[in-house]
Amino acid sequence: MLEKGSTRLATAVNSKDFNDVGTAELLVTAANAKLSVLKAQLLDN
């Protein structure tokens, strides 16, 4: 998810498609949140 969001963000910025920037931002934000949860779970174990 993070890779897809990063790729979409780069593509959107290069093409100046600012509608897709929002979608890419959501993907990256969701992936980062998921990584934070996984990190916390790993630290607890």
PDB file of N, CA and C in Angstrom:
ATOM      1  N   MET A   1       0.829  -1.185   0.000  1.00  0.00           N
ATOM      2  CA  MET A   1       0.000   0.000   0.000  1.00  0.00           C
ATOM      3  C   MET A   1       0.879   1.257   0.000  1.00  0.00           C
ATOM      4  N   LEU A   2       1.932   1.213   0.777  1.00  0.00           N
ATOM      5  CA  LEU A   2       2.818   2.378   0.841  1.00  0.00           C
ATOM      6  C   LEU A   2       3.502   2.622  -0.501  1.00  0.00           C
ATOM      7  N   GLU A   3       3.951   1.544  -1.126  1.00  0.00           N
ATOM      8  CA  GLU A   3       4.606   1.680  -2.433  1.00  0.00           C
ATOM      9  C   GLU A   3       3.634   2.219  -3.479  1.00  0.00           C
ATOM     10  N   LYS A   4       2.405   1.703  -3.467  1.00  0.00           N
ATOM     11  CA  LYS A   4       1.398   2.166  -4.430  1.00  0.00           C
ATOM     12  C   LYS A   4       1.082   3.643  -4.206  1.00  0.00           C
ATOM     13  N   GLY A   5       0.924   4.034  -2.950  1.00  0.00           N
ATOM     14  CA  GLY A   5       0.644   5.432  -2.641  1.00  0.00           C
ATOM     15  C   GLY A   5       1.778   6.348  -3.052  1.00  0.00           C
ATOM     16  N   SER A   6       3.009   5.908  -2.793  1.00  0.00           N
ATOM     17  CA  SER A   6       4.175   6.709  -3.170  1.00  0.00           C
ATOM     18  C   SER A   6       4.277   6.860  -4.682  1.00  0.00           C
ATOM     19  N   THR A   7       4.021   5.768  -5.395  1.00  0.00           N
ATOM     20  CA  THR A   7       4.062   5.813  -6.858  1.00  0.00           C
ATOM     21  C   THR A   7       2.982   6.735  -7.399  1.00  0.00           C
ATOM     22  N   ARG A   8       1.775   6.603  -6.856  1.00  0.00           N
ATOM     23  CA  ARG A   8       0.674   7.464  -7.321  1.00  0.00           C
ATOM     24  C   ARG A   8       0.958   8.925  -7.016  1.00  0.00           C
ATOM     25  N   LEU A   9       1.555   9.179  -5.856  1.00  0.00           N
ATOM     26  CA  LEU A   9       1.875  10.555  -5.491  1.00  0.00           C
ATOM     27  C   LEU A   9       2.898  11.142  -6.460  1.00  0.00           C
ATOM     28  N   ALA A  10       3.939  10.394  -6.762  1.00  0.00           N
ATOM     29  CA  ALA A  10       4.958  10.876  -7.703  1.00  0.00           C
ATOM     30  C   ALA A  10       4.354  11.123  -9.080  1.00  0.00           C
ATOM     31  N   THR A  11       3.513  10.208  -9.538  1.00  0.00           N
ATOM     32  CA  THR A  11       2.868  10.359 -10.846  1.00  0.00           C
ATOM     33  C   THR A  11       1.951  11.576 -10.856  1.00  0.00           C
ATOM     34  N   ALA A  12       1.182  11.751  -9.786  1.00  0.00           N
ATOM     35  CA  ALA A  12       0.248  12.877  -9.710  1.00  0.00           C
ATOM     36  C   ALA A  12       0.985  14.208  -9.693  1.00  0.00           C
ATOM     37  N   VAL A  13       2.074  14.271  -8.951  1.00  0.00           N
ATOM     38  CA  VAL A  13       2.847  15.514  -8.882  1.00  0.00           C
ATOM     39  C   VAL A  13       3.477  15.821 -10.242  1.00  0.00           C
ATOM     40  N   ASN A  14       4.039  14.799 -10.877  1.00  0.00           N
ATOM     41  CA  ASN A  14       4.666  15.014 -12.190  1.00  0.00           C
ATOM     42  C   ASN A  14       3.661  15.456 -13.242  1.00  0.00           C
ATOM     43  N   SER A  15       2.436  14.934 -13.168  1.00  0.00           N
ATOM     44  CA  SER A  15       1.415  15.301 -14.158  1.00  0.00           C
ATOM     45  C   SER A  15       0.566  16.484 -13.697  1.00  0.00           C
ATOM     46  N   LYS A  16       0.839  16.957 -12.490  1.00  0.00           N
ATOM     47  CA  LYS A  16       0.098  18.070 -11.884  1.00  0.00           C
ATOM     48  C   LYS A  16      -1.394  17.767 -11.763  1.00  0.00           C
ATOM     49  N   ASP A  17      -1.704  16.485 -11.509  1.00  0.00           N
ATOM     50  CA  ASP A  17      -3.085  16.049 -11.281  1.00  0.00           C
ATOM     51  C   ASP A  17      -3.342  16.074  -9.778  1.00  0.00           C
ATOM     52  N   PHE A  18      -3.791  17.218  -9.297  1.00  0.00           N
ATOM     53  CA  PHE A  18      -3.908  17.407  -7.861  1.00  0.00           C
ATOM     54  C   PHE A  18      -5.088  16.669  -7.251  1.00  0.00           C
ATOM     55  N   ASN A  19      -6.023  16.192  -8.073  1.00  0.00           N
ATOM     56  CA  ASN A  19      -7.092  15.346  -7.543  1.00  0.00           C
ATOM     57  C   ASN A  19      -6.524  14.007  -7.091  1.00  0.00           C
ATOM     58  N   ASP A  20      -5.582  13.477  -7.853  1.00  0.00           N
ATOM     59  CA  ASP A  20      -4.984  12.188  -7.503  1.00  0.00           C
ATOM     60  C   ASP A  20      -3.996  12.320  -6.348  1.00  0.00           C
ATOM     61  N   VAL A  21      -3.500  13.513  -6.102  1.00  0.00           N
ATOM     62  CA  VAL A  21      -2.606  13.727  -4.962  1.00  0.00           C
ATOM     63  C   VAL A  21      -3.333  13.382  -3.666  1.00  0.00           C
ATOM     64  N   GLY A  22      -4.593  13.767  -3.564  1.00  0.00           N
ATOM     65  CA  GLY A  22      -5.381  13.463  -2.368  1.00  0.00           C
ATOM     66  C   GLY A  22      -5.544  11.971  -2.160  1.00  0.00           C
ATOM     67  N   THR A  23      -5.801  11.252  -3.239  1.00  0.00           N
ATOM     68  CA  THR A  23      -5.935   9.796  -3.157  1.00  0.00           C
ATOM     69  C   THR A  23      -4.617   9.164  -2.727  1.00  0.00           C
ATOM     70  N   ALA A  24      -3.538   9.611  -3.320  1.00  0.00           N
ATOM     71  CA  ALA A  24      -2.219   9.085  -2.970  1.00  0.00           C
ATOM     72  C   ALA A  24      -1.891   9.382  -1.513  1.00  0.00           C
ATOM     73  N   GLU A  25      -2.241  10.570  -1.067  1.00  0.00           N
ATOM     74  CA  GLU A  25      -1.989  10.945   0.325  1.00  0.00           C
ATOM     75  C   GLU A  25      -2.745  10.027   1.279  1.00  0.00           C
ATOM     76  N   LEU A  26      -3.988   9.697   0.941  1.00  0.00           N
ATOM     77  CA  LEU A  26      -4.767   8.780   1.775  1.00  0.00           C
ATOM     78  C   LEU A  26      -4.112   7.403   1.852  1.00  0.00           C
ATOM     79  N   LEU A  27      -3.625   6.908   0.724  1.00  0.00           N
ATOM     80  CA  LEU A  27      -2.955   5.603   0.707  1.00  0.00           C
ATOM     81  C   LEU A  27      -1.697   5.613   1.576  1.00  0.00           C
ATOM     82  N   VAL A  28      -0.895   6.649   1.441  1.00  0.00           N
ATOM     83  CA  VAL A  28       0.340   6.747   2.216  1.00  0.00           C
ATOM     84  C   VAL A  28       0.026   6.888   3.705  1.00  0.00           C
ATOM     85  N   THR A  29      -0.951   7.710   4.043  1.00  0.00           N
ATOM     86  CA  THR A  29      -1.333   7.903   5.440  1.00  0.00           C
ATOM     87  C   THR A  29      -1.851   6.609   6.058  1.00  0.00           C
ATOM     88  N   ALA A  30      -2.686   5.889   5.317  1.00  0.00           N
ATOM     89  CA  ALA A  30      -3.216   4.615   5.815  1.00  0.00           C
ATOM     90  C   ALA A  30      -2.098   3.594   5.996  1.00  0.00           C
ATOM     91  N   ALA A  31      -1.173   3.555   5.065  1.00  0.00           N
ATOM     92  CA  ALA A  31      -0.052   2.615   5.173  1.00  0.00           C
ATOM     93  C   ALA A  31       0.824   2.952   6.373  1.00  0.00           C
ATOM     94  N   ASN A  32       1.071   4.224   6.596  1.00  0.00           N
ATOM     95  CA  ASN A  32       1.877   4.633   7.748  1.00  0.00           C
ATOM     96  C   ASN A  32       1.184   4.289   9.058  1.00  0.00           C
ATOM     97  N   ALA A  33      -0.126   4.458   9.109  1.00  0.00           N
ATOM     98  CA  ALA A  33      -0.876   4.103  10.313  1.00  0.00           C
ATOM     99  C   ALA A  33      -0.791   2.603  10.568  1.00  0.00           C
ATOM    100  N   LYS A  34      -0.915   1.832   9.511  1.00  0.00           N
ATOM    101  CA  LYS A  34      -0.822   0.373   9.636  1.00  0.00           C
ATOM    102  C   LYS A  34       0.571  -0.034  10.122  1.00  0.00           C
ATOM    103  N   LEU A  35       1.601   0.602   9.587  1.00  0.00           N
ATOM    104  CA  LEU A  35       2.962   0.316  10.028  1.00  0.00           C
ATOM    105  C   LEU A  35       3.163   0.674  11.498  1.00  0.00           C
ATOM    106  N   SER A  36       2.564   1.750  11.949  1.00  0.00           N
ATOM    107  CA  SER A  36       2.670   2.148  13.353  1.00  0.00           C
ATOM    108  C   SER A  36       2.042   1.112  14.269  1.00  0.00           C
ATOM    109  N   VAL A  37       0.894   0.588  13.866  1.00  0.00           N
ATOM    110  CA  VAL A  37       0.221  -0.448  14.652  1.00  0.00           C
ATOM    111  C   VAL A  37       1.084  -1.704  14.707  1.00  0.00           C
ATOM    112  N   LEU A  38       1.616  -2.103  13.565  1.00  0.00           N
ATOM    113  CA  LEU A  38       2.469  -3.295  13.522  1.00  0.00           C
ATOM    114  C   LEU A  38       3.729  -3.113  14.365  1.00  0.00           C
ATOM    115  N   LYS A  39       4.306  -1.932  14.330  1.00  0.00           N
ATOM    116  CA  LYS A  39       5.496  -1.652  15.135  1.00  0.00           C
ATOM    117  C   LYS A  39       5.179  -1.768  16.619  1.00  0.00           C
ATOM    118  N   ALA A  40       4.053  -1.209  17.033  1.00  0.00           N
ATOM    119  CA  ALA A  40       3.654  -1.288  18.437  1.00  0.00           C
ATOM    120  C   ALA A  40       3.433  -2.739  18.856  1.00  0.00           C
ATOM    121  N   GLN A  41       2.825  -3.524  17.982  1.00  0.00           N
ATOM    122  CA  GLN A  41       2.596  -4.936  18.289  1.00  0.00           C
ATOM    123  C   GLN A  41       3.915  -5.689  18.415  1.00  0.00           C
ATOM    124  N   LEU A  42       4.862  -5.387  17.553  1.00  0.00           N
ATOM    125  CA  LEU A  42       6.167  -6.043  17.631  1.00  0.00           C
ATOM    126  C   LEU A  42       6.902  -5.677  18.912  1.00  0.00           C
ATOM    127  N   LEU A  43       6.803  -4.434  19.320  1.00  0.00           N
ATOM    128  CA  LEU A  43       7.467  -3.991  20.543  1.00  0.00           C
ATOM    129  C   LEU A  43       6.839  -4.616  21.781  1.00  0.00           C
ATOM    130  N   ASP A  44       5.544  -4.899  21.722  1.00  0.00           N
ATOM    131  CA  ASP A  44       4.853  -5.523  22.852  1.00  0.00           C
ATOM    132  C   ASP A  44       5.228  -6.989  23.006  1.00  0.00           C
ATOM    133  N   ASN A  45       5.629  -7.610  21.924  1.00  0.00           N
ATOM    134  CA  ASN A  45       5.958  -9.047  21.972  1.00  0.00           C
ATOM    135  C   ASN A  45       7.387  -9.208  22.232  1.00  0.00           C
TER     136      ASN A  45
END
